[in-house]
Amino acid sequence: GWDGQNPDVQLAVDIIPTSWLDENRTGSTEDVIVLAPQNERVGNPVEMRSMLELVNDFTARFSVDEDRVYAATFSWGSTLAWAAMAEQPGLFDAALIVSGFPVSEEQAAIIAGLRTPIWITHATSDPVLPVDFGRGSAETLGAAYAAAGATSDEIADLVRFTEYGDDAFAIPDTCLAAPIAFFD
């Protein structure tokens, strides 16, 4: 989130960016590069294009394995990830969508065309975005993968949906339903 007065809030309060750097959470000592930009909430597609410019510029200037670029989003960031995967197919090799907004059928069709793995997580009692957003996105993506010719076994590998019940939270922050383990 960004309101012009909270620099680095995405690092201070969101577990997602900092988790990539914690081998206890990832199970790996491998080096990673984490970009954790804020958005100015000026609307999509402006924010999405800004994010794409950042990622494209960064991967062009630095030593980045372009076959291992992942998106991990929380809440509004999901809208940027869905739009970016539709705008520049193949940029992200997988995505983790945490407590996000729904994917559109058009976006899902593009994502499914490249067989991009998506893991969607959502809390049952999310006070901000209904869990049906996560469930619905998983269903929309599953249907898009099926339409693109994926088998049910392939779809099960490509689209994961995890719903976290209230007992999964030590602190009552049911909006941030992030898994500890990420893509292999």
C-alpha atoms as a PDB file:
ATOM      1  CA  GLY A   1       0.000   0.000   0.000  1.00  0.00           C
ATOM      2  CA  TRP A   2       1.124   3.528  -0.622  1.00  0.00           C
ATOM      3  CA  ASP A   3      -0.240   6.818   0.600  1.00  0.00           C
ATOM      4  CA  GLY A   4       2.815   8.938  -0.043  1.00  0.00           C
ATOM      5  CA  GLN A   5       3.895   8.882   3.580  1.00  0.00           C
ATOM      6  CA  ASN A   6       4.762   5.274   4.355  1.00  0.00           C
ATOM      7  CA  PRO A   7       8.005   4.370   2.603  1.00  0.00           C
ATOM      8  CA  ASP A   8       9.015   0.723   2.934  1.00  0.00           C
ATOM      9  CA  VAL A   9       5.663  -0.303   4.452  1.00  0.00           C
ATOM     10  CA  GLN A  10       5.576  -3.271   2.063  1.00  0.00           C
ATOM     11  CA  LEU A  11       8.722  -4.569   3.764  1.00  0.00           C
ATOM     12  CA  ALA A  12       7.693  -3.740   7.311  1.00  0.00           C
ATOM     13  CA  VAL A  13       4.231  -5.276   7.382  1.00  0.00           C
ATOM     14  CA  ASP A  14       3.974  -7.715   4.490  1.00  0.00           C
ATOM     15  CA  ILE A  15       5.542 -11.090   5.147  1.00  0.00           C
ATOM     16  CA  ILE A  16       5.649 -11.984   1.459  1.00  0.00           C
ATOM     17  CA  PRO A  17       8.723  -9.975   0.346  1.00  0.00           C
ATOM     18  CA  THR A  18      10.799 -10.758   3.401  1.00  0.00           C
ATOM     19  CA  SER A  19       9.890 -14.462   3.397  1.00  0.00           C
ATOM     20  CA  TRP A  20      11.875 -15.015   0.217  1.00  0.00           C
ATOM     21  CA  LEU A  21      15.012 -14.110   2.145  1.00  0.00           C
ATOM     22  CA  ASP A  22      14.386 -16.504   5.042  1.00  0.00           C
ATOM     23  CA  GLU A  23      15.735 -20.010   4.410  1.00  0.00           C
ATOM     24  CA  ASN A  24      13.593 -21.292   7.292  1.00  0.00           C
ATOM     25  CA  ARG A  25      10.522 -20.350   5.239  1.00  0.00           C
ATOM     26  CA  THR A  26      11.754 -21.265   1.757  1.00  0.00           C
ATOM     27  CA  GLY A  27      13.817 -24.316   2.655  1.00  0.00           C
ATOM     28  CA  SER A  28      16.622 -23.002   0.460  1.00  0.00           C
ATOM     29  CA  THR A  29      19.922 -21.188   0.908  1.00  0.00           C
ATOM     30  CA  GLU A  30      19.870 -20.164  -2.738  1.00  0.00           C
ATOM     31  CA  ASP A  31      20.336 -16.476  -3.481  1.00  0.00           C
ATOM     32  CA  VAL A  32      17.238 -14.617  -4.591  1.00  0.00           C
ATOM     33  CA  ILE A  33      16.502 -11.108  -5.759  1.00  0.00           C
ATOM     34  CA  VAL A  34      13.314  -9.582  -4.395  1.00  0.00           C
ATOM     35  CA  LEU A  35      11.717  -6.490  -5.908  1.00  0.00           C
ATOM     36  CA  ALA A  36       9.001  -5.164  -3.612  1.00  0.00           C
ATOM     37  CA  PRO A  37       7.622  -2.016  -5.203  1.00  0.00           C
ATOM     38  CA  GLN A  38       4.800   0.067  -3.844  1.00  0.00           C
ATOM     39  CA  ASN A  39       2.087   1.338  -6.119  1.00  0.00           C
ATOM     40  CA  GLU A  40       0.584   4.777  -6.015  1.00  0.00           C
ATOM     41  CA  ARG A  41      -2.983   3.533  -6.471  1.00  0.00           C
ATOM     42  CA  VAL A  42      -3.468   5.617  -9.574  1.00  0.00           C
ATOM     43  CA  GLY A  43      -5.275   2.779 -11.296  1.00  0.00           C
ATOM     44  CA  ASN A  44      -4.579  -0.135 -13.504  1.00  0.00           C
ATOM     45  CA  PRO A  45      -3.218  -0.150 -16.303  1.00  0.00           C
ATOM     46  CA  VAL A  46      -0.867   2.699 -15.301  1.00  0.00           C
ATOM     47  CA  GLU A  47       0.350   0.793 -12.230  1.00  0.00           C
ATOM     48  CA  MET A  48       0.695  -2.465 -14.174  1.00  0.00           C
ATOM     49  CA  ARG A  49       2.768  -0.808 -16.906  1.00  0.00           C
ATOM     50  CA  SER A  50       4.969   0.827 -14.272  1.00  0.00           C
ATOM     51  CA  MET A  51       5.547  -2.560 -12.649  1.00  0.00           C
ATOM     52  CA  LEU A  52       6.334  -4.149 -16.031  1.00  0.00           C
ATOM     53  CA  GLU A  53       8.834  -1.388 -16.779  1.00  0.00           C
ATOM     54  CA  LEU A  54      10.529  -1.965 -13.428  1.00  0.00           C
ATOM     55  CA  VAL A  55      10.765  -5.741 -13.877  1.00  0.00           C
ATOM     56  CA  ASN A  56      11.897  -5.506 -17.511  1.00  0.00           C
ATOM     57  CA  ASP A  57      14.490  -2.839 -16.723  1.00  0.00           C
ATOM     58  CA  PHE A  58      15.793  -4.772 -13.723  1.00  0.00           C
ATOM     59  CA  THR A  59      16.108  -8.079 -15.592  1.00  0.00           C
ATOM     60  CA  ALA A  60      17.857  -6.333 -18.482  1.00  0.00           C
ATOM     61  CA  ARG A  61      20.420  -4.583 -16.264  1.00  0.00           C
ATOM     62  CA  PHE A  62      21.191  -7.281 -13.718  1.00  0.00           C
ATOM     63  CA  SER A  63      22.038 -10.960 -13.673  1.00  0.00           C
ATOM     64  CA  VAL A  64      18.554 -12.436 -13.465  1.00  0.00           C
ATOM     65  CA  ASP A  65      17.610 -15.939 -14.553  1.00  0.00           C
ATOM     66  CA  GLU A  66      14.708 -15.006 -16.802  1.00  0.00           C
ATOM     67  CA  ASP A  67      13.390 -18.577 -16.575  1.00  0.00           C
ATOM     68  CA  ARG A  68      12.783 -18.081 -12.849  1.00  0.00           C
ATOM     69  CA  VAL A  69      10.916 -14.810 -12.447  1.00  0.00           C
ATOM     70  CA  TYR A  70       7.937 -15.097 -10.114  1.00  0.00           C
ATOM     71  CA  ALA A  71       5.193 -12.769  -9.000  1.00  0.00           C
ATOM     72  CA  ALA A  72       3.957 -12.808  -5.422  1.00  0.00           C
ATOM     73  CA  THR A  73       1.125 -10.443  -4.680  1.00  0.00           C
ATOM     74  CA  PHE A  74      -1.141  -9.407  -1.871  1.00  0.00           C
ATOM     75  CA  SER A  75      -4.591  -7.866  -2.231  1.00  0.00           C
ATOM     76  CA  TRP A  76      -4.572  -5.084  -4.863  1.00  0.00           C
ATOM     77  CA  GLY A  77      -1.277  -6.377  -6.252  1.00  0.00           C
ATOM     78  CA  SER A  78      -3.231  -9.299  -7.694  1.00  0.00           C
ATOM     79  CA  THR A  79      -4.891  -6.971 -10.192  1.00  0.00           C
ATOM     80  CA  LEU A  80      -1.452  -5.899 -11.386  1.00  0.00           C
ATOM     81  CA  ALA A  81      -0.209  -9.490 -11.654  1.00  0.00           C
ATOM     82  CA  TRP A  82      -3.269 -10.673 -13.606  1.00  0.00           C
ATOM     83  CA  ALA A  83      -2.973  -7.700 -15.973  1.00  0.00           C
ATOM     84  CA  ALA A  84       0.800  -8.087 -16.373  1.00  0.00           C
ATOM     85  CA  MET A  85       0.558 -11.805 -17.164  1.00  0.00           C
ATOM     86  CA  ALA A  86      -2.016 -10.963 -19.853  1.00  0.00           C
ATOM     87  CA  GLU A  87      -0.069  -7.957 -21.188  1.00  0.00           C
ATOM     88  CA  GLN A  88       3.336  -9.656 -21.303  1.00  0.00           C
ATOM     89  CA  PRO A  89       2.744 -13.419 -21.380  1.00  0.00           C
ATOM     90  CA  GLY A  90       5.716 -15.446 -20.250  1.00  0.00           C
ATOM     91  CA  LEU A  91       7.306 -12.750 -18.080  1.00  0.00           C
ATOM     92  CA  PHE A  92       6.393 -14.589 -14.892  1.00  0.00           C
ATOM     93  CA  ASP A  93       7.135 -18.285 -14.646  1.00  0.00           C
ATOM     94  CA  ALA A  94       4.639 -18.702 -11.799  1.00  0.00           C
ATOM     95  CA  ALA A  95       2.580 -16.539  -9.477  1.00  0.00           C
ATOM     96  CA  LEU A  96       1.431 -16.576  -5.878  1.00  0.00           C
ATOM     97  CA  ILE A  97      -1.787 -14.610  -5.416  1.00  0.00           C
ATOM     98  CA  VAL A  98      -2.578 -13.939  -1.752  1.00  0.00           C
ATOM     99  CA  SER A  99      -6.004 -12.622  -0.755  1.00  0.00           C
ATOM    100  CA  GLY A 100      -6.486 -11.190  -4.203  1.00  0.00           C
ATOM    101  CA  PHE A 101      -9.068  -9.846  -6.577  1.00  0.00           C
ATOM    102  CA  PRO A 102     -10.608 -12.099  -9.252  1.00  0.00           C
ATOM    103  CA  VAL A 103      -8.912 -12.897 -12.549  1.00  0.00           C
ATOM    104  CA  SER A 104     -10.945 -12.127 -15.677  1.00  0.00           C
ATOM    105  CA  GLU A 105     -11.804 -14.834 -18.199  1.00  0.00           C
ATOM    106  CA  GLU A 106      -9.685 -13.052 -20.830  1.00  0.00           C
ATOM    107  CA  GLN A 107      -6.657 -12.884 -18.516  1.00  0.00           C
ATOM    108  CA  ALA A 108      -7.129 -16.514 -17.490  1.00  0.00           C
ATOM    109  CA  ALA A 109      -7.176 -17.620 -21.130  1.00  0.00           C
ATOM    110  CA  ILE A 110      -3.824 -15.938 -21.809  1.00  0.00           C
ATOM    111  CA  ILE A 111      -2.283 -17.331 -18.609  1.00  0.00           C
ATOM    112  CA  ALA A 112      -3.565 -20.819 -19.447  1.00  0.00           C
ATOM    113  CA  GLY A 113      -2.163 -20.630 -22.970  1.00  0.00           C
ATOM    114  CA  LEU A 114       1.357 -20.622 -21.530  1.00  0.00           C
ATOM    115  CA  ARG A 115       0.622 -23.123 -18.743  1.00  0.00           C
ATOM    116  CA  THR A 116       1.745 -20.636 -16.074  1.00  0.00           C
ATOM    117  CA  PRO A 117       1.443 -22.194 -12.592  1.00  0.00           C
ATOM    118  CA  ILE A 118      -0.705 -20.171 -10.208  1.00  0.00           C
ATOM    119  CA  TRP A 119      -1.120 -20.680  -6.471  1.00  0.00           C
ATOM    120  CA  ILE A 120      -4.016 -18.748  -4.966  1.00  0.00           C
ATOM    121  CA  THR A 121      -4.411 -18.474  -1.198  1.00  0.00           C
ATOM    122  CA  HIS A 122      -7.225 -16.843   0.710  1.00  0.00           C
ATOM    123  CA  ALA A 123      -8.473 -16.793   4.284  1.00  0.00           C
ATOM    124  CA  THR A 124     -11.963 -18.070   4.981  1.00  0.00           C
ATOM    125  CA  SER A 125     -12.701 -15.018   7.136  1.00  0.00           C
ATOM    126  CA  ASP A 126     -10.867 -12.363   5.121  1.00  0.00           C
ATOM    127  CA  PRO A 127     -12.444  -9.092   6.319  1.00  0.00           C
ATOM    128  CA  VAL A 128     -11.467  -7.154   3.195  1.00  0.00           C
ATOM    129  CA  LEU A 129     -11.878  -9.408   0.135  1.00  0.00           C
ATOM    130  CA  PRO A 130     -14.285 -12.355   0.176  1.00  0.00           C
ATOM    131  CA  VAL A 131     -12.810 -15.845  -0.086  1.00  0.00           C
ATOM    132  CA  ASP A 132     -15.082 -16.321  -3.107  1.00  0.00           C
ATOM    133  CA  PHE A 133     -12.648 -14.088  -5.023  1.00  0.00           C
ATOM    134  CA  GLY A 134      -9.924 -16.710  -4.531  1.00  0.00           C
ATOM    135  CA  ARG A 135     -12.206 -19.668  -5.166  1.00  0.00           C
ATOM    136  CA  GLY A 136     -13.650 -18.000  -8.244  1.00  0.00           C
ATOM    137  CA  SER A 137     -10.211 -17.227  -9.668  1.00  0.00           C
ATOM    138  CA  ALA A 138      -9.156 -20.849  -9.213  1.00  0.00           C
ATOM    139  CA  GLU A 139     -12.319 -22.010 -10.989  1.00  0.00           C
ATOM    140  CA  THR A 140     -11.891 -19.484 -13.816  1.00  0.00           C
ATOM    141  CA  LEU A 141      -8.262 -20.508 -14.310  1.00  0.00           C
ATOM    142  CA  GLY A 142      -9.146 -24.211 -14.166  1.00  0.00           C
ATOM    143  CA  ALA A 143     -11.759 -23.726 -16.876  1.00  0.00           C
ATOM    144  CA  ALA A 144      -9.267 -21.752 -18.993  1.00  0.00           C
ATOM    145  CA  TYR A 145      -6.630 -24.476 -18.656  1.00  0.00           C
ATOM    146  CA  ALA A 146      -9.224 -27.099 -19.637  1.00  0.00           C
ATOM    147  CA  ALA A 147     -10.216 -25.021 -22.670  1.00  0.00           C
ATOM    148  CA  ALA A 148      -6.508 -24.808 -23.577  1.00  0.00           C
ATOM    149  CA  GLY A 149      -6.311 -28.610 -23.568  1.00  0.00           C
ATOM    150  CA  ALA A 150      -4.851 -29.314 -20.126  1.00  0.00           C
ATOM    151  CA  THR A 151      -5.819 -32.591 -18.485  1.00  0.00           C
ATOM    152  CA  SER A 152      -7.344 -32.656 -15.010  1.00  0.00           C
ATOM    153  CA  ASP A 153      -4.001 -33.860 -13.596  1.00  0.00           C
ATOM    154  CA  GLU A 154      -2.178 -30.984 -15.308  1.00  0.00           C
ATOM    155  CA  ILE A 155      -4.758 -28.503 -14.034  1.00  0.00           C
ATOM    156  CA  ALA A 156      -4.281 -29.799 -10.482  1.00  0.00           C
ATOM    157  CA  ASP A 157      -0.543 -29.097 -10.830  1.00  0.00           C
ATOM    158  CA  LEU A 158      -0.989 -25.715 -12.499  1.00  0.00           C
ATOM    159  CA  VAL A 159      -3.758 -24.181 -10.391  1.00  0.00           C
ATOM    160  CA  ARG A 160      -3.565 -24.509  -6.634  1.00  0.00           C
ATOM    161  CA  PHE A 161      -6.072 -23.009  -4.268  1.00  0.00           C
ATOM    162  CA  THR A 162      -5.474 -23.012  -0.526  1.00  0.00           C
ATOM    163  CA  GLU A 163      -8.079 -21.685   1.856  1.00  0.00           C
ATOM    164  CA  TYR A 164      -6.869 -20.915   5.355  1.00  0.00           C
ATOM    165  CA  GLY A 165      -9.341 -21.251   8.215  1.00  0.00           C
ATOM    166  CA  ASP A 166      -9.257 -19.037  11.291  1.00  0.00           C
ATOM    167  CA  ASP A 167      -7.152 -21.577  13.185  1.00  0.00           C
ATOM    168  CA  ALA A 168      -4.254 -20.980  10.772  1.00  0.00           C
ATOM    169  CA  PHE A 169      -3.602 -17.506  12.190  1.00  0.00           C
ATOM    170  CA  ALA A 170      -1.641 -16.834  15.369  1.00  0.00           C
ATOM    171  CA  ILE A 171      -2.547 -13.163  15.102  1.00  0.00           C
ATOM    172  CA  PRO A 172      -6.005 -12.210  13.852  1.00  0.00           C
ATOM    173  CA  ASP A 173      -4.814 -10.950  10.442  1.00  0.00           C
ATOM    174  CA  THR A 174      -6.994 -13.145   8.285  1.00  0.00           C
ATOM    175  CA  CYS A 175      -6.496 -10.881   5.303  1.00  0.00           C
ATOM    176  CA  LEU A 176      -2.863 -11.952   4.815  1.00  0.00           C
ATOM    177  CA  ALA A 177      -3.180 -15.651   3.994  1.00  0.00           C
ATOM    178  CA  ALA A 178       0.338 -16.371   2.768  1.00  0.00           C
ATOM    179  CA  PRO A 179       1.782 -19.885   2.617  1.00  0.00           C
ATOM    180  CA  ILE A 180       5.156 -20.626   4.125  1.00  0.00           C
ATOM    181  CA  ALA A 181       6.328 -22.815   1.217  1.00  0.00           C
ATOM    182  CA  PHE A 182       6.488 -21.413  -2.297  1.00  0.00           C
ATOM    183  CA  PHE A 183       6.849 -22.953  -5.752  1.00  0.00           C
ATOM    184  CA  ASP A 184       9.562 -25.563  -6.264  1.00  0.00           C
END
